[in-house]
């Protein structure tokens, strides 16, 4: 708010209507004091004017009441429409989240199964490779053992021959 708005706040419609009413009373009193008519004529004119003012006030009050009811009805309808729309959107959102949750769970379950299958296959392959390697190592060890046995026998024969020929 700027300085002028702070110093001179806006008047409400009720304050304006009070001012009009007080001004009307002051004007009526001034008219009575300065009117060239007799008291009876003045009272008759005032009665007519008061009756007219009363009728106009009732008419304005009726119009204001009708307009207020119309606006209240429109606001109520719009609020109801908005509430319905919000409820529908919230329900749609909830359904979407629930569906997404189910899809994610299914994807995770499927991925877990695939990982389990892959690990099982890899384990089987490793076991097969280990068995093959073990068999190959055993064969090589057997072959090496036979060769070593032959070499030992040959060396023993050679040592025996050399020992016998030397002594």
N, C-alpha and C. Protein backbone atom coordinates (compact mmCIF):
# COMPACT_ATOMS: atom_id res chain seq x y z
N UNK A 1 0.85 -1.18 0.00
CA UNK A 1 0.00 0.00 0.00
C UNK A 1 0.89 1.24 0.00
N UNK A 2 0.46 2.23 -0.75
CA UNK A 2 1.22 3.47 -0.73
C UNK A 2 0.73 4.37 0.40
N UNK A 3 1.36 5.51 0.56
CA UNK A 3 1.08 6.41 1.68
C UNK A 3 -0.36 6.93 1.63
N UNK A 4 -0.85 7.29 0.46
CA UNK A 4 -2.22 7.82 0.32
C UNK A 4 -3.25 6.77 0.70
N UNK A 5 -3.02 5.51 0.30
CA UNK A 5 -3.96 4.45 0.64
C UNK A 5 -3.97 4.20 2.15
N UNK A 6 -2.83 4.34 2.79
CA UNK A 6 -2.75 4.14 4.23
C UNK A 6 -3.46 5.27 4.97
N UNK A 7 -3.26 6.51 4.52
CA UNK A 7 -3.87 7.66 5.18
C UNK A 7 -5.37 7.75 4.92
N UNK A 8 -5.79 7.43 3.71
CA UNK A 8 -7.19 7.56 3.33
C UNK A 8 -7.71 6.22 2.81
N UNK A 9 -8.05 5.32 3.72
CA UNK A 9 -8.51 4.00 3.27
C UNK A 9 -9.83 4.11 2.51
N UNK A 10 -10.05 3.18 1.59
CA UNK A 10 -11.26 3.18 0.78
C UNK A 10 -12.48 2.93 1.67
N UNK A 11 -13.53 3.63 1.39
CA UNK A 11 -14.76 3.48 2.17
C UNK A 11 -15.57 2.32 1.61
N UNK A 12 -16.26 1.65 2.49
CA UNK A 12 -17.09 0.55 2.03
C UNK A 12 -18.41 1.09 1.48
N UNK A 13 -19.15 0.24 0.80
CA UNK A 13 -20.44 0.63 0.24
C UNK A 13 -21.43 1.05 1.33
N UNK A 14 -21.33 0.43 2.51
CA UNK A 14 -22.21 0.77 3.62
C UNK A 14 -22.00 2.20 4.09
N UNK A 15 -20.75 2.64 4.13
CA UNK A 15 -20.44 4.01 4.53
C UNK A 15 -21.00 5.00 3.52
N UNK A 16 -20.90 4.66 2.25
CA UNK A 16 -21.43 5.52 1.19
C UNK A 16 -22.95 5.66 1.32
N UNK A 17 -23.63 4.54 1.57
CA UNK A 17 -25.09 4.58 1.72
C UNK A 17 -25.50 5.39 2.95
N UNK A 18 -24.72 5.29 4.02
CA UNK A 18 -25.02 6.10 5.21
C UNK A 18 -24.90 7.58 4.87
N UNK A 19 -23.89 7.93 4.11
CA UNK A 19 -23.71 9.32 3.70
C UNK A 19 -24.87 9.82 2.87
N UNK A 20 -25.35 8.98 1.95
CA UNK A 20 -26.50 9.37 1.12
C UNK A 20 -27.73 9.57 2.00
N UNK A 21 -27.94 8.66 2.96
CA UNK A 21 -29.10 8.76 3.85
C UNK A 21 -29.05 10.04 4.69
N UNK A 22 -27.90 10.32 5.28
CA UNK A 22 -27.77 11.53 6.10
C UNK A 22 -27.93 12.78 5.24
N UNK A 23 -27.36 12.77 4.05
CA UNK A 23 -27.51 13.90 3.13
C UNK A 23 -28.95 14.12 2.75
N UNK A 24 -29.69 13.01 2.53
CA UNK A 24 -31.11 13.13 2.20
C UNK A 24 -31.89 13.76 3.35
N UNK A 25 -31.58 13.34 4.58
CA UNK A 25 -32.26 13.91 5.75
C UNK A 25 -31.98 15.41 5.89
N UNK A 26 -30.71 15.78 5.70
CA UNK A 26 -30.34 17.20 5.79
C UNK A 26 -31.03 17.97 4.67
N UNK A 27 -31.09 17.43 3.49
CA UNK A 27 -31.77 18.09 2.36
C UNK A 27 -33.25 18.24 2.63
N UNK A 28 -33.88 17.22 3.20
CA UNK A 28 -35.30 17.28 3.50
C UNK A 28 -35.57 18.35 4.55
N UNK A 29 -34.71 18.40 5.58
CA UNK A 29 -34.88 19.43 6.62
C UNK A 29 -34.73 20.82 6.02
N UNK A 30 -33.75 21.00 5.14
CA UNK A 30 -33.54 22.30 4.50
C UNK A 30 -34.75 22.65 3.64
N UNK A 31 -35.30 21.68 2.96
CA UNK A 31 -36.46 21.93 2.11
C UNK A 31 -37.65 22.36 2.96
N UNK A 32 -37.80 21.76 4.13
CA UNK A 32 -38.90 22.13 5.03
C UNK A 32 -38.76 23.58 5.52
N UNK A 33 -37.54 23.92 5.84
CA UNK A 33 -37.30 25.27 6.37
C UNK A 33 -37.50 26.35 5.32
N UNK A 34 -37.11 26.09 4.10
CA UNK A 34 -37.16 27.12 3.07
C UNK A 34 -38.30 26.95 2.07
N UNK A 35 -39.22 26.04 2.31
CA UNK A 35 -40.33 25.79 1.38
C UNK A 35 -41.41 26.87 1.52
N UNK A 36 -41.96 27.32 0.36
CA UNK A 36 -43.01 28.33 0.40
C UNK A 36 -44.41 27.75 0.59
N UNK A 37 -44.50 26.45 0.91
CA UNK A 37 -45.80 25.81 1.04
C UNK A 37 -46.27 25.85 2.49
N UNK A 38 -47.56 25.57 2.66
CA UNK A 38 -48.13 25.51 4.00
C UNK A 38 -47.72 24.20 4.65
N UNK A 39 -47.91 24.07 5.95
CA UNK A 39 -47.53 22.87 6.70
C UNK A 39 -48.25 21.64 6.23
N UNK A 40 -49.60 21.80 5.96
CA UNK A 40 -50.38 20.66 5.52
C UNK A 40 -49.90 20.19 4.15
N UNK A 41 -49.66 21.10 3.23
CA UNK A 41 -49.17 20.73 1.89
C UNK A 41 -47.78 20.09 2.00
N UNK A 42 -46.96 20.69 2.87
CA UNK A 42 -45.59 20.18 3.05
C UNK A 42 -45.63 18.76 3.61
N UNK A 43 -46.48 18.52 4.60
CA UNK A 43 -46.59 17.18 5.18
C UNK A 43 -47.10 16.19 4.15
N UNK A 44 -48.05 16.62 3.34
CA UNK A 44 -48.57 15.76 2.28
C UNK A 44 -47.47 15.43 1.28
N UNK A 45 -46.71 16.46 0.87
CA UNK A 45 -45.59 16.22 -0.07
C UNK A 45 -44.54 15.30 0.56
N UNK A 46 -44.23 15.57 1.84
CA UNK A 46 -43.23 14.73 2.53
C UNK A 46 -43.73 13.30 2.64
N UNK A 47 -45.02 13.13 2.93
CA UNK A 47 -45.59 11.80 3.04
C UNK A 47 -45.48 11.08 1.70
N UNK A 48 -45.80 11.80 0.62
CA UNK A 48 -45.70 11.21 -0.72
C UNK A 48 -44.25 10.83 -1.03
N UNK A 49 -43.36 11.77 -0.72
CA UNK A 49 -41.93 11.52 -1.01
C UNK A 49 -41.41 10.36 -0.16
N UNK A 50 -41.82 10.32 1.10
CA UNK A 50 -41.38 9.24 1.98
C UNK A 50 -41.94 7.91 1.49
N UNK A 51 -43.19 7.93 1.05
CA UNK A 51 -43.80 6.71 0.51
C UNK A 51 -43.06 6.26 -0.74
N UNK A 52 -42.73 7.22 -1.62
CA UNK A 52 -42.00 6.91 -2.85
C UNK A 52 -40.61 6.36 -2.51
N UNK A 53 -39.94 7.04 -1.54
CA UNK A 53 -38.60 6.58 -1.13
C UNK A 53 -38.68 5.19 -0.53
N UNK A 54 -39.70 4.93 0.28
CA UNK A 54 -39.88 3.62 0.89
C UNK A 54 -40.11 2.56 -0.18
N UNK A 55 -40.94 2.87 -1.15
CA UNK A 55 -41.19 1.92 -2.24
C UNK A 55 -39.92 1.64 -3.03
N UNK A 56 -39.17 2.72 -3.32
CA UNK A 56 -37.91 2.54 -4.07
C UNK A 56 -36.93 1.70 -3.27
N UNK A 57 -36.87 1.96 -1.94
CA UNK A 57 -35.96 1.19 -1.09
C UNK A 57 -36.34 -0.28 -1.09
N UNK A 58 -37.65 -0.56 -0.99
CA UNK A 58 -38.10 -1.95 -1.02
C UNK A 58 -37.78 -2.60 -2.36
N UNK A 59 -37.97 -1.84 -3.44
CA UNK A 59 -37.68 -2.35 -4.77
C UNK A 59 -36.19 -2.67 -4.92
N UNK A 60 -35.35 -1.73 -4.47
CA UNK A 60 -33.89 -1.95 -4.54
C UNK A 60 -33.49 -3.13 -3.67
N UNK A 61 -34.10 -3.22 -2.47
CA UNK A 61 -33.80 -4.35 -1.59
C UNK A 61 -34.19 -5.67 -2.25
N UNK A 62 -35.34 -5.69 -2.93
CA UNK A 62 -35.76 -6.90 -3.63
C UNK A 62 -34.79 -7.28 -4.74
N UNK A 63 -34.36 -6.27 -5.51
CA UNK A 63 -33.41 -6.52 -6.61
C UNK A 63 -32.09 -7.05 -6.04
N UNK A 64 -31.64 -6.38 -4.96
CA UNK A 64 -30.37 -6.81 -4.34
C UNK A 64 -30.51 -8.23 -3.81
N UNK A 65 -31.63 -8.54 -3.19
CA UNK A 65 -31.85 -9.89 -2.67
C UNK A 65 -31.86 -10.91 -3.81
N UNK A 66 -32.55 -10.60 -4.89
CA UNK A 66 -32.59 -11.52 -6.04
C UNK A 66 -31.20 -11.73 -6.62
N UNK A 67 -30.47 -10.61 -6.77
CA UNK A 67 -29.12 -10.72 -7.34
C UNK A 67 -28.22 -11.54 -6.41
N UNK A 68 -28.34 -11.30 -5.09
CA UNK A 68 -27.54 -12.04 -4.13
C UNK A 68 -27.85 -13.52 -4.19
N UNK A 69 -29.14 -13.86 -4.26
CA UNK A 69 -29.53 -15.28 -4.37
C UNK A 69 -28.99 -15.89 -5.65
N UNK A 70 -29.06 -15.13 -6.74
CA UNK A 70 -28.56 -15.62 -8.03
C UNK A 70 -27.06 -15.86 -7.97
N UNK A 71 -26.35 -14.90 -7.40
CA UNK A 71 -24.89 -15.04 -7.29
C UNK A 71 -24.55 -16.21 -6.37
N UNK A 72 -25.25 -16.33 -5.24
CA UNK A 72 -24.99 -17.43 -4.32
C UNK A 72 -25.25 -18.77 -4.99
N UNK A 73 -26.30 -18.85 -5.79
CA UNK A 73 -26.62 -20.08 -6.50
C UNK A 73 -25.52 -20.41 -7.51
N UNK A 74 -25.09 -19.39 -8.25
CA UNK A 74 -24.03 -19.59 -9.25
C UNK A 74 -22.73 -20.03 -8.57
N UNK A 75 -22.40 -19.36 -7.47
CA UNK A 75 -21.17 -19.73 -6.75
C UNK A 75 -21.27 -21.15 -6.22
N UNK A 76 -22.43 -21.52 -5.69
CA UNK A 76 -22.62 -22.88 -5.19
C UNK A 76 -22.48 -23.91 -6.30
N UNK A 77 -23.06 -23.62 -7.44
CA UNK A 77 -22.96 -24.54 -8.58
C UNK A 77 -21.52 -24.67 -9.04
N UNK A 78 -20.85 -23.53 -9.15
CA UNK A 78 -19.44 -23.56 -9.60
C UNK A 78 -18.58 -24.31 -8.59
N UNK A 79 -18.80 -24.07 -7.30
CA UNK A 79 -18.04 -24.76 -6.26
C UNK A 79 -18.28 -26.26 -6.33
N UNK A 80 -19.52 -26.65 -6.57
CA UNK A 80 -19.85 -28.07 -6.70
C UNK A 80 -19.17 -28.67 -7.92
N UNK A 81 -19.19 -27.94 -9.02
CA UNK A 81 -18.52 -28.42 -10.24
C UNK A 81 -17.02 -28.58 -10.01
N UNK A 82 -16.43 -27.60 -9.35
CA UNK A 82 -14.99 -27.67 -9.08
C UNK A 82 -14.68 -28.85 -8.16
N UNK A 83 -15.51 -29.04 -7.13
CA UNK A 83 -15.29 -30.16 -6.22
C UNK A 83 -15.40 -31.49 -6.96
N UNK A 84 -16.36 -31.60 -7.87
CA UNK A 84 -16.51 -32.82 -8.66
C UNK A 84 -15.29 -33.05 -9.55
N UNK A 85 -14.83 -31.97 -10.18
CA UNK A 85 -13.66 -32.08 -11.04
C UNK A 85 -12.43 -32.49 -10.24
N UNK A 86 -12.23 -31.85 -9.09
CA UNK A 86 -11.07 -32.18 -8.25
C UNK A 86 -11.15 -33.63 -7.79
N UNK A 87 -12.33 -34.07 -7.40
CA UNK A 87 -12.49 -35.46 -6.96
C UNK A 87 -12.17 -36.43 -8.09
N UNK A 88 -12.67 -36.13 -9.27
CA UNK A 88 -12.40 -37.00 -10.43
C UNK A 88 -10.92 -37.03 -10.76
N UNK A 89 -10.28 -35.87 -10.74
CA UNK A 89 -8.84 -35.82 -11.06
C UNK A 89 -8.04 -36.56 -10.00
N UNK A 90 -8.41 -36.39 -8.74
CA UNK A 90 -7.70 -37.09 -7.66
C UNK A 90 -7.87 -38.60 -7.81
N UNK A 91 -9.07 -39.03 -8.17
CA UNK A 91 -9.31 -40.45 -8.38
C UNK A 91 -8.48 -40.97 -9.56
N UNK A 92 -8.45 -40.21 -10.65
CA UNK A 92 -7.63 -40.60 -11.80
C UNK A 92 -6.16 -40.69 -11.42
N UNK A 93 -5.69 -39.72 -10.65
CA UNK A 93 -4.29 -39.71 -10.21
C UNK A 93 -4.00 -40.92 -9.34
N UNK A 94 -4.90 -41.23 -8.42
CA UNK A 94 -4.73 -42.38 -7.55
C UNK A 94 -4.66 -43.66 -8.37
N UNK A 95 -5.54 -43.79 -9.35
CA UNK A 95 -5.56 -44.97 -10.21
C UNK A 95 -4.26 -45.08 -11.00
N UNK A 96 -3.80 -43.95 -11.53
CA UNK A 96 -2.55 -43.94 -12.30
C UNK A 96 -1.37 -44.36 -11.42
N UNK A 97 -1.32 -43.84 -10.21
CA UNK A 97 -0.23 -44.19 -9.29
C UNK A 97 -0.30 -45.68 -8.94
N UNK A 98 -1.48 -46.18 -8.68
CA UNK A 98 -1.64 -47.60 -8.34
C UNK A 98 -1.20 -48.48 -9.52
N UNK A 99 -1.62 -48.12 -10.73
CA UNK A 99 -1.22 -48.88 -11.92
C UNK A 99 0.29 -48.84 -12.11
N UNK A 100 0.87 -47.67 -11.94
CA UNK A 100 2.32 -47.54 -12.08
C UNK A 100 3.05 -48.38 -11.04
N UNK A 101 2.53 -48.41 -9.84
CA UNK A 101 3.13 -49.21 -8.77
C UNK A 101 3.10 -50.69 -9.15
N UNK A 102 1.97 -51.15 -9.68
CA UNK A 102 1.85 -52.55 -10.10
C UNK A 102 2.82 -52.87 -11.23
N UNK A 103 2.94 -51.94 -12.19
CA UNK A 103 3.84 -52.16 -13.32
C UNK A 103 5.30 -52.23 -12.84
N UNK A 104 5.65 -51.35 -11.93
CA UNK A 104 7.02 -51.35 -11.41
C UNK A 104 7.29 -52.65 -10.66
N UNK A 105 6.33 -53.09 -9.85
CA UNK A 105 6.50 -54.34 -9.11
C UNK A 105 6.66 -55.51 -10.07
N UNK A 106 5.86 -55.54 -11.12
CA UNK A 106 5.95 -56.62 -12.10
C UNK A 106 7.30 -56.59 -12.82
N UNK A 107 7.75 -55.39 -13.16
CA UNK A 107 9.05 -55.26 -13.83
C UNK A 107 10.18 -55.71 -12.92
N UNK A 108 10.11 -55.32 -11.64
CA UNK A 108 11.14 -55.74 -10.69
C UNK A 108 11.13 -57.26 -10.51
N UNK A 109 9.95 -57.84 -10.43
CA UNK A 109 9.85 -59.29 -10.27
C UNK A 109 10.44 -60.00 -11.49
N UNK A 110 10.09 -59.50 -12.66
CA UNK A 110 10.60 -60.09 -13.90
C UNK A 110 12.12 -59.95 -13.98
N UNK A 111 12.61 -58.78 -13.62
CA UNK A 111 14.06 -58.56 -13.64
C UNK A 111 14.76 -59.47 -12.65
N UNK A 112 14.14 -59.66 -11.48
CA UNK A 112 14.72 -60.57 -10.48
C UNK A 112 14.81 -61.99 -11.00
N UNK A 113 13.75 -62.41 -11.69
CA UNK A 113 13.75 -63.77 -12.26
C UNK A 113 14.85 -63.90 -13.32
N UNK A 114 14.96 -62.87 -14.17
CA UNK A 114 15.99 -62.91 -15.22
C UNK A 114 17.38 -62.95 -14.60
N UNK A 115 17.58 -62.17 -13.58
CA UNK A 115 18.89 -62.16 -12.91
C UNK A 115 19.16 -63.53 -12.29
N UNK A 116 18.13 -64.10 -11.64
CA UNK A 116 18.29 -65.43 -11.04
C UNK A 116 18.63 -66.48 -12.10
N UNK A 117 17.93 -66.41 -13.24
CA UNK A 117 18.20 -67.36 -14.33
C UNK A 117 19.62 -67.18 -14.86
N UNK A 118 20.01 -65.93 -15.03
CA UNK A 118 21.36 -65.65 -15.54
C UNK A 118 22.42 -66.17 -14.57
N UNK A 119 22.21 -65.94 -13.28
CA UNK A 119 23.16 -66.42 -12.27
C UNK A 119 23.20 -67.94 -12.27
N UNK A 120 22.05 -68.58 -12.39
CA UNK A 120 22.01 -70.06 -12.42
C UNK A 120 22.77 -70.59 -13.63
N UNK A 121 22.53 -69.97 -14.80
CA UNK A 121 23.24 -70.40 -16.01
C UNK A 121 24.74 -70.20 -15.86
N UNK A 122 25.11 -69.04 -15.33
CA UNK A 122 26.54 -68.76 -15.15
C UNK A 122 27.16 -69.74 -14.16
N UNK A 123 26.45 -70.07 -13.10
CA UNK A 123 26.95 -71.04 -12.12
C UNK A 123 27.15 -72.41 -12.76
N UNK A 124 26.17 -72.80 -13.57
CA UNK A 124 26.28 -74.09 -14.25
C UNK A 124 27.48 -74.10 -15.20
N UNK A 125 27.66 -73.02 -15.93
CA UNK A 125 28.80 -72.92 -16.85
C UNK A 125 30.12 -72.96 -16.09
N UNK A 126 30.19 -72.23 -14.99
CA UNK A 126 31.41 -72.22 -14.17
C UNK A 126 31.68 -73.62 -13.62
N UNK A 127 30.63 -74.29 -13.16
CA UNK A 127 30.80 -75.66 -12.64
C UNK A 127 31.31 -76.59 -13.73
N UNK A 128 30.73 -76.47 -14.94
CA UNK A 128 31.18 -77.31 -16.06
C UNK A 128 32.64 -77.02 -16.39
N UNK A 129 32.99 -75.74 -16.46
CA UNK A 129 34.37 -75.36 -16.77
C UNK A 129 35.32 -75.85 -15.68
N UNK A 130 34.89 -75.73 -14.42
CA UNK A 130 35.73 -76.20 -13.31
C UNK A 130 35.93 -77.71 -13.40
N UNK A 131 34.87 -78.45 -13.76
CA UNK A 131 34.97 -79.90 -13.89
C UNK A 131 35.92 -80.27 -15.02
N UNK A 132 35.77 -79.55 -16.16
CA UNK A 132 36.66 -79.82 -17.31
C UNK A 132 38.11 -79.52 -16.93
N UNK A 133 38.29 -78.37 -16.26
CA UNK A 133 39.65 -77.99 -15.87
C UNK A 133 40.22 -79.01 -14.88
N UNK A 134 39.38 -79.46 -13.95
CA UNK A 134 39.83 -80.47 -12.97
C UNK A 134 40.22 -81.77 -13.67
N UNK A 135 39.42 -82.17 -14.64
CA UNK A 135 39.72 -83.39 -15.40
C UNK A 135 41.03 -83.23 -16.17
N UNK A 136 41.19 -82.08 -16.82
CA UNK A 136 42.42 -81.82 -17.57
C UNK A 136 43.64 -81.79 -16.65
N UNK A 137 43.49 -81.16 -15.50
CA UNK A 137 44.61 -81.10 -14.54
C UNK A 137 44.95 -82.51 -14.06
N UNK A 138 43.91 -83.30 -13.79
CA UNK A 138 44.14 -84.68 -13.32
C UNK A 138 44.86 -85.48 -14.41
N UNK A 139 44.45 -85.34 -15.66
CA UNK A 139 45.09 -86.07 -16.76
C UNK A 139 46.53 -85.62 -16.93
N UNK A 140 46.71 -84.30 -16.88
CA UNK A 140 48.07 -83.77 -17.02
C UNK A 140 48.95 -84.24 -15.87
N UNK A 141 48.37 -84.24 -14.65
CA UNK A 141 49.14 -84.70 -13.48
C UNK A 141 49.50 -86.18 -13.63
N UNK A 142 48.55 -86.97 -14.11
CA UNK A 142 48.79 -88.40 -14.32
C UNK A 142 49.88 -88.60 -15.37
N UNK A 143 49.74 -87.83 -16.46
CA UNK A 143 50.72 -87.93 -17.53
C UNK A 143 52.10 -87.48 -17.03
N UNK A 144 52.11 -86.38 -16.29
CA UNK A 144 53.38 -85.87 -15.75
C UNK A 144 53.96 -86.87 -14.76
N UNK A 145 53.09 -87.51 -13.99
CA UNK A 145 53.54 -88.50 -13.01
C UNK A 145 54.17 -89.69 -13.72
N UNK A 146 53.53 -90.15 -14.82
CA UNK A 146 54.08 -91.26 -15.59
C UNK A 146 55.45 -90.88 -16.17
N UNK A 147 55.51 -89.67 -16.74
CA UNK A 147 56.77 -89.21 -17.33
C UNK A 147 57.84 -89.08 -16.26
N UNK A 148 57.43 -88.55 -15.11
CA UNK A 148 58.40 -88.40 -14.01
C UNK A 148 58.86 -89.78 -13.56
N UNK A 149 57.92 -90.72 -13.50
CA UNK A 149 58.29 -92.09 -13.11
C UNK A 149 59.29 -92.69 -14.10
N UNK A 150 59.06 -92.48 -15.39
CA UNK A 150 59.98 -92.98 -16.42
C UNK A 150 61.33 -92.31 -16.27
N UNK A 151 61.28 -90.97 -16.07
CA UNK A 151 62.53 -90.23 -15.93
C UNK A 151 63.31 -90.72 -14.71
N UNK A 152 62.60 -90.98 -13.62
CA UNK A 152 63.25 -91.47 -12.40
C UNK A 152 63.85 -92.84 -12.67
N UNK A 153 63.10 -93.68 -13.36
CA UNK A 153 63.60 -95.02 -13.65
C UNK A 153 64.83 -94.95 -14.56
N UNK A 154 64.75 -94.09 -15.58
CA UNK A 154 65.87 -93.92 -16.48
C UNK A 154 67.08 -93.38 -15.73
N UNK A 155 66.83 -92.41 -14.87
CA UNK A 155 67.92 -91.82 -14.10
C UNK A 155 68.50 -92.86 -13.17
N UNK A 156 67.64 -93.66 -12.58
CA UNK A 156 68.09 -94.70 -11.66
C UNK A 156 68.93 -95.73 -12.41
N UNK A 157 68.47 -96.10 -13.59
CA UNK A 157 69.21 -97.05 -14.40
C UNK A 157 70.56 -96.47 -14.80
N UNK A 158 70.55 -95.25 -15.14
CA UNK A 158 71.77 -94.58 -15.56
C UNK A 158 72.75 -94.49 -14.40
N UNK A 159 72.21 -94.15 -13.22
CA UNK A 159 73.07 -94.06 -12.03
C UNK A 159 73.62 -95.46 -11.72
N UNK A 160 72.76 -96.45 -11.82
CA UNK A 160 73.21 -97.81 -11.54
C UNK A 160 74.29 -98.23 -12.53
N UNK A 161 74.09 -97.95 -13.76
CA UNK A 161 75.03 -98.33 -14.78
C UNK A 161 76.35 -97.58 -14.56
N UNK A 162 76.27 -96.35 -14.28
CA UNK A 162 77.45 -95.54 -14.06
C UNK A 162 78.15 -96.00 -12.80
N UNK A 163 77.44 -96.32 -11.77
CA UNK A 163 78.02 -96.74 -10.52
C UNK A 163 78.71 -98.09 -10.68
N UNK A 164 78.08 -98.99 -11.43
CA UNK A 164 78.64 -100.30 -11.63
C UNK A 164 79.88 -100.21 -12.50
N UNK A 165 79.86 -99.39 -13.46
CA UNK A 165 81.00 -99.30 -14.33
C UNK A 165 82.16 -98.57 -13.67
N UNK A 166 81.91 -97.73 -12.76
CA UNK A 166 82.97 -96.99 -12.09
C UNK A 166 83.59 -97.85 -11.00
N UNK A 167 82.96 -98.67 -10.34
CA UNK A 167 83.47 -99.44 -9.20
C UNK A 167 83.52 -100.84 -9.61
